[in-house]
Amino acid sequence: MHIVFFGDQHAESLGGAQVSMRLQRAYLERAGHTVTIVAPRMRSARGAGTDPGYVDLPSIPITADREYSLTWPGRRTDRALDRAMTRRPPVDLVHVQADFWGAFIGHRFAHRHGIPAVHTMHNRVDVGIAAVTPLHRPVLGALNLWRRRALRGIGEQPRGADGWAYLAGIAAESRAVTAPSGHFAHRLEQHGVFGSVDVIWNGIDDEVRAQVLAAAPAERPAGRPRFIWLGRMSPEKRLLPFLEAVVASDVDADVEIVGGGGQLRTAERIAARAGRPGIRFAGRIAYADVLARIAAADAVVQTSIGFETQGMTPFEAATLGTPTIVSDPDIAGELRGGLWAVPAALDEPARVAALAETLRLAASDIAAGRAPEPDPQVAADFRQSSRTDAMLEVYRRALAG
């Protein structure tokens, strides 16, 4: 069958959802299906190449580094998309993996052509928006107004103005809705977003995982404990509180920071002021290299709280045999072991202090050879081949009506 993915951002840009879409496409194509990915054209200097599987929509950059772009949903975009799709095979299924303009464009396309749609929820919009602006309530109100206008006549559009009404609206005409974790699926059902949400984790490339594990040493190399933090450098990911906790802990460890974003310079200043040569910024690196760094680390550090709908890095770590220091209790519950849980706290200073204490505990356990071991079942369930099989079952059900 021919499946069309819709994303808010180009699949070659940075982000867990983008990595997941690229993997899903690769494994669906191995199974004999055709996949087209529709998203805003990348406007950064590095670009996105000329992959024939991409339909790049007209876009405008929305971040200073031009990594991320926006395509305005409307009739002009509809016409541009329809023209592009005439040069491709007939579409059997639309799979929307977007939360904003990509969701509007994708569901408009599915509705316009009478094609069944599946929607994967990647984003808890209320928490994400609250993390980056104190004006989150009026922003959510504006988003819901935009949603009702862009999706007028598509399903039953709720009148609410919060994040759950917004998510219910963009999923209104879907045949199925999936979520990348059990805790997020439960919340979607609890708040009336969709009746029954399928839980399908984002996965890890089976072959790359096997290569990384084959190259990993059988014994832990000697040296100080090695912590790694990975992700987008934005407020909801809590990189800066992590660095403050590293400084407060005075832990004797090597700390590697992988990723990029708007908080990079501030993070570098914190590290420079602390005068700690053990903090190293690796920048943005390729997917296989990321997995190799995770496998070589003694612990991954996960710092966001309440924002992640799955949190890819702790699951990637578990699949590679690396334990995680986990700040989010929902992620801790889903991992089922192989972690140090950061105690919950009511305010940011207390959270930083709790993370600092957990870093000290983890470093002590690692040095003593008593680090916790991840659940082997997580490794089996997180392979992309198994995730693709699960998603194909959802597709078949959606096509059957």
Protein backbone atom coordinates (compact mmCIF):
# COMPACT_ATOMS: atom_id res chain seq x y z
CA MET A 1 0.00 0.00 0.00
CA HIS A 2 0.97 3.66 -0.34
CA ILE A 3 1.10 5.44 3.02
CA VAL A 4 1.59 9.21 3.28
CA PHE A 5 3.13 10.58 6.47
CA PHE A 6 2.51 14.19 7.48
CA GLY A 7 4.94 15.94 9.85
CA ASP A 8 5.23 19.40 11.34
CA GLN A 9 8.94 19.36 10.53
CA HIS A 10 11.01 17.84 7.77
CA ALA A 11 12.09 14.28 8.53
CA GLU A 12 15.75 15.25 8.12
CA SER A 13 15.55 17.93 10.84
CA LEU A 14 16.45 17.25 14.47
CA GLY A 15 13.94 15.60 16.78
CA GLY A 16 12.69 12.28 18.09
CA ALA A 17 9.52 12.29 15.97
CA GLN A 18 11.63 12.87 12.85
CA VAL A 19 13.98 9.99 13.71
CA SER A 20 10.95 7.79 14.27
CA MET A 21 9.38 8.71 10.92
CA ARG A 22 12.59 7.91 9.05
CA LEU A 23 12.80 4.52 10.75
CA GLN A 24 9.13 3.75 10.15
CA ARG A 25 9.54 4.56 6.48
CA ALA A 26 12.61 2.33 6.12
CA TYR A 27 10.93 -0.67 7.71
CA LEU A 28 7.64 -0.21 5.87
CA GLU A 29 9.51 -0.07 2.57
CA ARG A 30 11.37 -3.25 3.49
CA ALA A 31 7.95 -4.85 3.96
CA GLY A 32 7.03 -3.89 0.39
CA HIS A 33 5.03 -0.70 0.98
CA THR A 34 5.49 2.78 -0.49
CA VAL A 35 5.91 5.75 1.88
CA THR A 36 5.78 9.46 1.07
CA ILE A 37 6.65 12.02 3.76
CA VAL A 38 5.01 15.45 3.47
CA ALA A 39 6.48 18.30 5.53
CA PRO A 40 7.72 21.90 5.29
CA ARG A 41 10.83 22.39 3.19
CA MET A 42 14.00 22.68 5.28
CA ARG A 43 15.48 26.18 5.15
CA SER A 44 18.76 25.58 6.96
CA ALA A 45 22.10 25.74 5.18
CA ARG A 46 22.59 21.96 5.31
CA GLY A 47 19.23 21.36 3.57
CA ALA A 48 17.57 17.97 3.24
CA GLY A 49 18.91 16.58 -0.04
CA THR A 50 16.76 15.32 -2.91
CA ASP A 51 15.16 12.18 -1.52
CA PRO A 52 12.31 11.21 -3.90
CA GLY A 53 10.24 9.99 -0.95
CA TYR A 54 9.80 13.55 0.34
CA VAL A 55 7.21 16.13 -0.70
CA ASP A 56 8.59 19.45 0.53
CA LEU A 57 5.92 22.11 0.95
CA PRO A 58 6.57 25.87 0.65
CA SER A 59 7.76 27.09 4.04
CA ILE A 60 9.15 29.91 6.15
CA PRO A 61 11.86 29.41 8.84
CA ILE A 62 10.66 29.82 12.42
CA THR A 63 13.90 29.43 14.42
CA ALA A 64 17.10 31.48 14.37
CA ASP A 65 19.17 28.53 13.12
CA ARG A 66 16.58 27.92 10.34
CA GLU A 67 16.40 24.25 11.37
CA TYR A 68 12.61 24.34 11.71
CA SER A 69 10.00 25.72 9.33
CA LEU A 70 6.27 26.37 9.04
CA THR A 71 3.89 25.75 6.16
CA TRP A 72 0.66 27.70 6.39
CA PRO A 73 -2.36 25.38 6.01
CA GLY A 74 -4.90 26.66 3.50
CA ARG A 75 -6.12 26.38 -0.05
CA ARG A 76 -2.81 27.42 -1.62
CA THR A 77 -0.98 24.68 0.26
CA ASP A 78 -3.78 22.22 -0.57
CA ARG A 79 -3.34 22.95 -4.27
CA ALA A 80 0.47 22.66 -4.12
CA LEU A 81 0.19 19.33 -2.30
CA ASP A 82 -2.44 17.94 -4.68
CA ARG A 83 -0.26 18.84 -7.68
CA ALA A 84 2.73 17.09 -6.13
CA MET A 85 0.73 13.97 -5.31
CA THR A 86 -0.49 13.56 -8.92
CA ARG A 87 3.04 12.38 -9.72
CA ARG A 88 2.83 9.59 -7.16
CA PRO A 89 0.87 6.33 -6.82
CA PRO A 90 -2.72 6.49 -5.49
CA VAL A 91 -2.76 6.91 -1.72
CA ASP A 92 -4.26 4.15 0.44
CA LEU A 93 -3.73 5.62 3.90
CA VAL A 94 -2.77 8.91 5.54
CA HIS A 95 -0.70 8.72 8.72
CA VAL A 96 -0.57 12.08 10.49
CA GLN A 97 2.41 12.38 12.83
CA ALA A 98 2.08 16.09 13.52
CA ASP A 99 0.46 18.33 16.09
CA PHE A 100 0.18 21.73 14.40
CA TRP A 101 0.22 22.84 10.74
CA GLY A 102 1.26 19.36 9.57
CA ALA A 103 -1.81 17.90 11.29
CA PHE A 104 -4.11 20.44 9.65
CA ILE A 105 -2.60 19.87 6.20
CA GLY A 106 -2.69 16.08 6.57
CA HIS A 107 -6.28 15.82 7.77
CA ARG A 108 -7.43 18.31 5.12
CA PHE A 109 -5.78 16.11 2.50
CA ALA A 110 -7.36 12.91 3.86
CA HIS A 111 -10.81 14.52 4.10
CA ARG A 112 -10.57 16.11 0.65
CA HIS A 113 -9.76 12.79 -1.01
CA GLY A 114 -11.80 10.44 1.20
CA ILE A 115 -8.71 8.56 2.43
CA PRO A 116 -8.67 6.82 5.86
CA ALA A 117 -6.43 8.54 8.40
CA VAL A 118 -4.41 7.27 11.37
CA HIS A 119 -3.04 9.83 13.83
CA THR A 120 -0.01 9.39 16.07
CA MET A 121 0.11 11.80 19.01
CA HIS A 122 3.71 12.89 19.63
CA ASN A 123 3.16 16.04 21.70
CA ARG A 124 1.45 16.98 24.93
CA VAL A 125 0.83 20.52 23.73
CA ASP A 126 -0.34 22.03 27.04
CA VAL A 127 2.84 21.14 28.91
CA GLY A 128 5.10 22.00 25.99
CA ILE A 129 3.61 25.46 25.47
CA ALA A 130 3.57 26.20 29.22
CA ALA A 131 7.30 25.36 29.32
CA VAL A 132 8.23 28.04 26.79
CA THR A 133 5.82 30.92 27.50
CA PRO A 134 3.98 32.36 30.55
CA LEU A 135 1.14 33.21 28.13
CA HIS A 136 0.29 29.59 27.51
CA ARG A 137 -3.47 29.97 28.12
CA PRO A 138 -4.04 32.66 25.46
CA VAL A 139 -1.68 30.76 23.14
CA LEU A 140 -3.76 27.59 23.58
CA GLY A 141 -6.92 29.61 22.98
CA ALA A 142 -5.46 30.95 19.74
CA LEU A 143 -4.36 27.48 18.68
CA ASN A 144 -7.85 26.11 19.22
CA LEU A 145 -9.33 28.95 17.19
CA TRP A 146 -6.84 28.21 14.39
CA ARG A 147 -7.69 24.51 14.64
CA ARG A 148 -11.43 25.11 14.30
CA ARG A 149 -10.92 27.31 11.24
CA ALA A 150 -8.36 25.07 9.53
CA LEU A 151 -10.40 21.90 10.15
CA ARG A 152 -13.89 23.34 9.64
CA GLY A 153 -16.18 20.51 8.50
CA ILE A 154 -13.67 17.78 9.37
CA GLY A 155 -15.14 15.61 12.09
CA GLU A 156 -16.77 17.06 15.18
CA GLN A 157 -14.61 19.98 16.30
CA PRO A 158 -14.84 20.56 20.11
CA ARG A 159 -15.32 24.13 21.34
CA GLY A 160 -12.87 23.86 24.24
CA ALA A 161 -9.78 26.04 24.59
CA ASP A 162 -7.33 23.75 26.42
CA GLY A 163 -4.71 21.30 25.17
CA TRP A 164 -6.99 18.27 25.32
CA ALA A 165 -9.71 19.95 23.22
CA TYR A 166 -7.03 20.84 20.71
CA LEU A 167 -5.77 17.23 20.47
CA ALA A 168 -9.34 15.90 20.22
CA GLY A 169 -9.98 18.29 17.35
CA ILE A 170 -6.97 17.31 15.27
CA ALA A 171 -7.83 13.61 15.73
CA ALA A 172 -11.56 14.07 15.11
CA GLU A 173 -11.78 12.23 11.77
CA SER A 174 -9.11 9.59 12.43
CA ARG A 175 -9.91 5.88 12.09
CA ALA A 176 -7.29 5.11 14.77
CA VAL A 177 -5.07 7.03 17.16
CA THR A 178 -1.74 5.77 18.49
CA ALA A 179 0.53 7.05 21.25
CA PRO A 180 4.19 6.21 21.92
CA SER A 181 3.67 5.30 25.59
CA GLY A 182 1.11 3.76 27.89
CA HIS A 183 1.00 6.79 30.21
CA PHE A 184 0.24 9.20 27.35
CA ALA A 185 -2.36 6.87 25.82
CA HIS A 186 -4.12 6.67 29.18
CA ARG A 187 -4.24 10.46 29.49
CA LEU A 188 -5.59 10.84 25.95
CA GLU A 189 -8.42 8.42 26.73
CA GLN A 190 -9.04 9.93 30.16
CA HIS A 191 -9.47 13.43 28.66
CA GLY A 192 -11.75 12.29 25.84
CA VAL A 193 -9.30 12.81 22.98
CA PHE A 194 -10.08 9.38 21.47
CA GLY A 195 -12.00 6.37 22.69
CA SER A 196 -9.31 3.69 22.50
CA VAL A 197 -5.68 4.66 21.84
CA ASP A 198 -3.20 2.05 20.59
CA VAL A 199 0.17 2.08 22.39
CA ILE A 200 3.02 1.73 19.89
CA TRP A 201 6.43 2.78 21.13
CA ASN A 202 8.81 4.61 18.83
CA GLY A 203 11.58 2.12 18.11
CA ILE A 204 15.28 1.62 17.50
CA ASP A 205 16.82 0.43 14.24
CA ASP A 206 17.39 -3.32 14.69
CA GLU A 207 20.49 -3.42 12.48
CA VAL A 208 22.18 -0.33 13.93
CA ARG A 209 21.49 -1.63 17.43
CA ALA A 210 23.13 -4.96 16.54
CA GLN A 211 26.17 -3.19 15.06
CA VAL A 212 26.57 -0.94 18.10
CA LEU A 213 26.31 -3.86 20.52
CA ALA A 214 28.78 -5.92 18.47
CA ALA A 215 31.32 -3.08 18.64
CA ALA A 216 30.85 -2.46 22.38
CA PRO A 217 33.51 -3.85 24.77
CA ALA A 218 32.56 -6.87 26.85
CA GLU A 219 33.76 -5.19 30.05
CA ARG A 220 33.27 -1.62 31.24
CA PRO A 221 36.43 0.39 30.44
CA ALA A 222 38.24 1.76 33.48
CA GLY A 223 37.76 5.40 34.38
CA ARG A 224 35.40 7.85 35.99
CA PRO A 225 31.63 7.36 35.63
CA ARG A 226 30.42 8.58 32.24
CA PHE A 227 27.08 10.40 32.04
CA ILE A 228 25.44 11.48 28.79
CA TRP A 229 22.58 13.95 28.21
CA LEU A 230 20.93 14.02 24.77
CA GLY A 231 18.26 16.22 23.25
CA ARG A 232 17.02 19.54 22.01
CA MET A 233 18.38 22.42 24.05
CA SER A 234 15.10 24.12 24.94
CA PRO A 235 13.47 24.93 28.31
CA GLU A 236 11.12 21.94 28.53
CA LYS A 237 14.10 19.54 28.24
CA ARG A 238 15.71 21.10 31.38
CA LEU A 239 19.34 21.05 30.24
CA LEU A 240 20.25 24.11 32.31
CA PRO A 241 18.90 22.65 35.59
CA PHE A 242 20.86 19.49 34.78
CA LEU A 243 24.09 21.46 34.48
CA GLU A 244 23.29 23.28 37.71
CA ALA A 245 22.79 19.88 39.36
CA VAL A 246 26.14 18.64 38.00
CA VAL A 247 27.86 21.68 39.52
CA ALA A 248 25.97 21.32 42.83
CA SER A 249 26.73 17.60 43.07
CA ASP A 250 30.50 18.11 42.62
CA VAL A 251 30.40 14.57 41.25
CA ASP A 252 33.68 13.12 39.96
CA ALA A 253 32.42 12.10 36.52
CA ASP A 254 32.68 12.85 32.80
CA VAL A 255 29.56 14.51 31.38
CA GLU A 256 28.81 14.61 27.65
CA ILE A 257 26.08 16.83 26.18
CA VAL A 258 24.77 15.80 22.75
CA GLY A 259 22.44 18.00 20.71
CA GLY A 260 21.82 21.62 19.85
CA GLY A 261 19.32 24.41 20.22
CA GLY A 262 18.65 27.85 21.58
CA GLN A 263 20.12 27.26 25.04
CA LEU A 264 23.54 26.10 23.85
CA ARG A 265 25.43 29.31 24.65
CA THR A 266 23.87 29.62 28.09
CA ALA A 267 24.72 25.99 28.80
CA GLU A 268 28.33 26.55 27.71
CA ARG A 269 28.57 29.59 29.99
CA ILE A 270 27.34 27.57 33.00
CA ALA A 271 29.93 24.88 32.27
CA ALA A 272 32.71 27.48 31.80
CA ARG A 273 31.86 29.28 35.05
CA ALA A 274 31.90 25.99 36.91
CA GLY A 275 35.42 25.35 35.61
CA ARG A 276 34.70 21.67 35.14
CA PRO A 277 36.74 20.08 32.34
CA GLY A 278 34.56 16.98 32.73
CA ILE A 279 31.63 18.66 30.89
CA ARG A 280 31.95 18.28 27.10
CA PHE A 281 29.62 19.50 24.35
CA ALA A 282 29.56 17.09 21.40
CA GLY A 283 27.07 19.04 19.24
CA ARG A 284 24.73 17.35 16.77
CA ILE A 285 25.86 13.92 15.63
CA ALA A 286 24.48 11.15 13.40
CA TYR A 287 21.95 8.60 14.67
CA ALA A 288 24.36 5.64 14.69
CA ASP A 289 26.93 7.73 16.54
CA VAL A 290 24.31 8.76 19.10
CA LEU A 291 23.54 5.11 19.81
CA ALA A 292 27.24 4.32 20.08
CA ARG A 293 27.70 7.14 22.63
CA ILE A 294 24.73 5.83 24.64
CA ALA A 295 26.17 2.30 24.64
CA ALA A 296 29.56 3.62 25.78
CA ALA A 297 28.09 5.69 28.63
CA ASP A 298 27.53 4.40 32.15
CA ALA A 299 24.21 6.24 32.40
CA VAL A 300 21.90 8.39 30.30
CA VAL A 301 20.42 11.38 32.15
CA GLN A 302 16.75 12.18 31.40
CA THR A 303 15.68 15.55 32.84
CA SER A 304 12.35 16.73 31.41
CA ILE A 305 9.30 16.36 33.68
CA GLY A 306 5.72 15.94 32.44
CA PHE A 307 6.56 16.95 28.87
CA GLU A 308 7.59 13.72 27.15
CA THR A 309 4.97 11.53 25.53
CA GLN A 310 7.56 8.76 25.50
CA GLY A 311 11.11 10.00 25.96
CA MET A 312 13.22 8.18 23.38
CA THR A 313 16.65 8.23 25.00
CA PRO A 314 15.86 6.13 28.12
CA PHE A 315 14.35 3.42 25.89
CA GLU A 316 17.29 3.54 23.48
CA ALA A 317 19.57 3.26 26.50
CA ALA A 318 17.66 0.28 27.91
CA THR A 319 17.83 -1.44 24.52
CA LEU A 320 21.62 -0.98 24.53
CA GLY A 321 22.04 -2.12 28.15
CA THR A 322 22.70 1.34 29.60
CA PRO A 323 20.75 2.42 32.73
CA THR A 324 19.15 5.86 33.04
CA ILE A 325 18.82 8.56 35.67
CA VAL A 326 15.12 9.39 35.26
CA SER A 327 13.45 12.63 36.35
CA ASP A 328 9.98 11.88 34.93
CA PRO A 329 8.01 9.35 37.03
CA ASP A 330 5.86 8.31 34.05
CA ILE A 331 8.95 7.29 32.07
CA ALA A 332 10.37 5.52 35.12
CA GLY A 333 7.20 3.44 35.39
CA GLU A 334 7.23 2.47 31.73
CA LEU A 335 10.91 1.42 31.77
CA ARG A 336 10.19 -1.19 34.48
CA GLY A 337 13.66 -1.02 36.02
CA GLY A 338 17.28 -0.36 35.09
CA LEU A 339 17.25 3.18 36.45
CA TRP A 340 17.84 5.62 39.26
CA ALA A 341 14.62 7.59 39.88
CA VAL A 342 15.04 11.23 40.87
CA PRO A 343 12.76 11.97 43.87
CA ALA A 344 9.82 14.26 43.04
CA ALA A 345 9.98 17.85 44.32
CA LEU A 346 7.62 20.82 44.30
CA ASP A 347 9.86 23.57 42.94
CA GLU A 348 12.88 23.92 40.67
CA PRO A 349 15.54 24.48 43.38
CA ALA A 350 14.38 21.31 45.13
CA ARG A 351 14.36 19.41 41.82
CA VAL A 352 17.93 20.52 41.11
CA ALA A 353 18.99 19.39 44.59
CA ALA A 354 17.26 16.01 44.14
CA LEU A 355 18.93 15.51 40.75
CA ALA A 356 22.33 16.42 42.24
CA GLU A 357 21.89 13.82 44.98
CA THR A 358 20.83 11.19 42.42
CA LEU A 359 23.91 11.95 40.30
CA ARG A 360 26.09 11.33 43.36
CA LEU A 361 24.26 8.06 44.09
CA ALA A 362 24.56 6.87 40.49
CA ALA A 363 28.27 7.72 40.33
CA SER A 364 28.85 5.78 43.54
CA ASP A 365 26.91 2.74 42.24
CA ILE A 366 28.76 2.79 38.91
CA ALA A 367 32.17 3.03 40.57
CA ALA A 368 31.24 0.13 42.86
CA GLY A 369 30.00 -2.04 39.98
CA ARG A 370 26.40 -2.17 41.20
CA ALA A 371 24.59 -0.15 38.50
CA PRO A 372 21.03 -1.42 37.82
CA GLU A 373 20.41 -3.48 34.67
CA PRO A 374 17.63 -2.56 32.19
CA ASP A 375 14.68 -4.92 31.65
CA PRO A 376 15.52 -7.25 28.70
CA GLN A 377 11.86 -7.25 27.62
CA VAL A 378 12.10 -3.51 26.93
CA ALA A 379 14.93 -4.25 24.48
CA ALA A 380 12.79 -6.82 22.65
CA ASP A 381 9.69 -4.61 22.52
CA PHE A 382 11.60 -1.51 21.36
CA ARG A 383 13.00 -2.96 18.10
CA GLN A 384 11.64 -1.13 15.07
CA SER A 385 10.74 -4.38 13.30
CA SER A 386 8.28 -5.23 16.07
CA ARG A 387 6.92 -1.67 16.11
CA THR A 388 6.29 -1.78 12.35
CA ASP A 389 4.42 -5.07 12.68
CA ALA A 390 2.22 -3.50 15.35
CA MET A 391 1.55 -0.40 13.25
CA LEU A 392 0.62 -2.49 10.19
CA GLU A 393 -2.10 -4.12 12.28
CA VAL A 394 -3.47 -0.65 13.05
CA TYR A 395 -3.32 0.26 9.35
CA ARG A 396 -5.26 -2.87 8.37
CA ARG A 397 -7.91 -2.12 10.95
CA ALA A 398 -8.21 1.48 9.74
CA LEU A 399 -8.53 0.38 6.12
CA ALA A 400 -11.23 -2.10 7.12
CA GLY A 401 -13.23 0.78 8.57
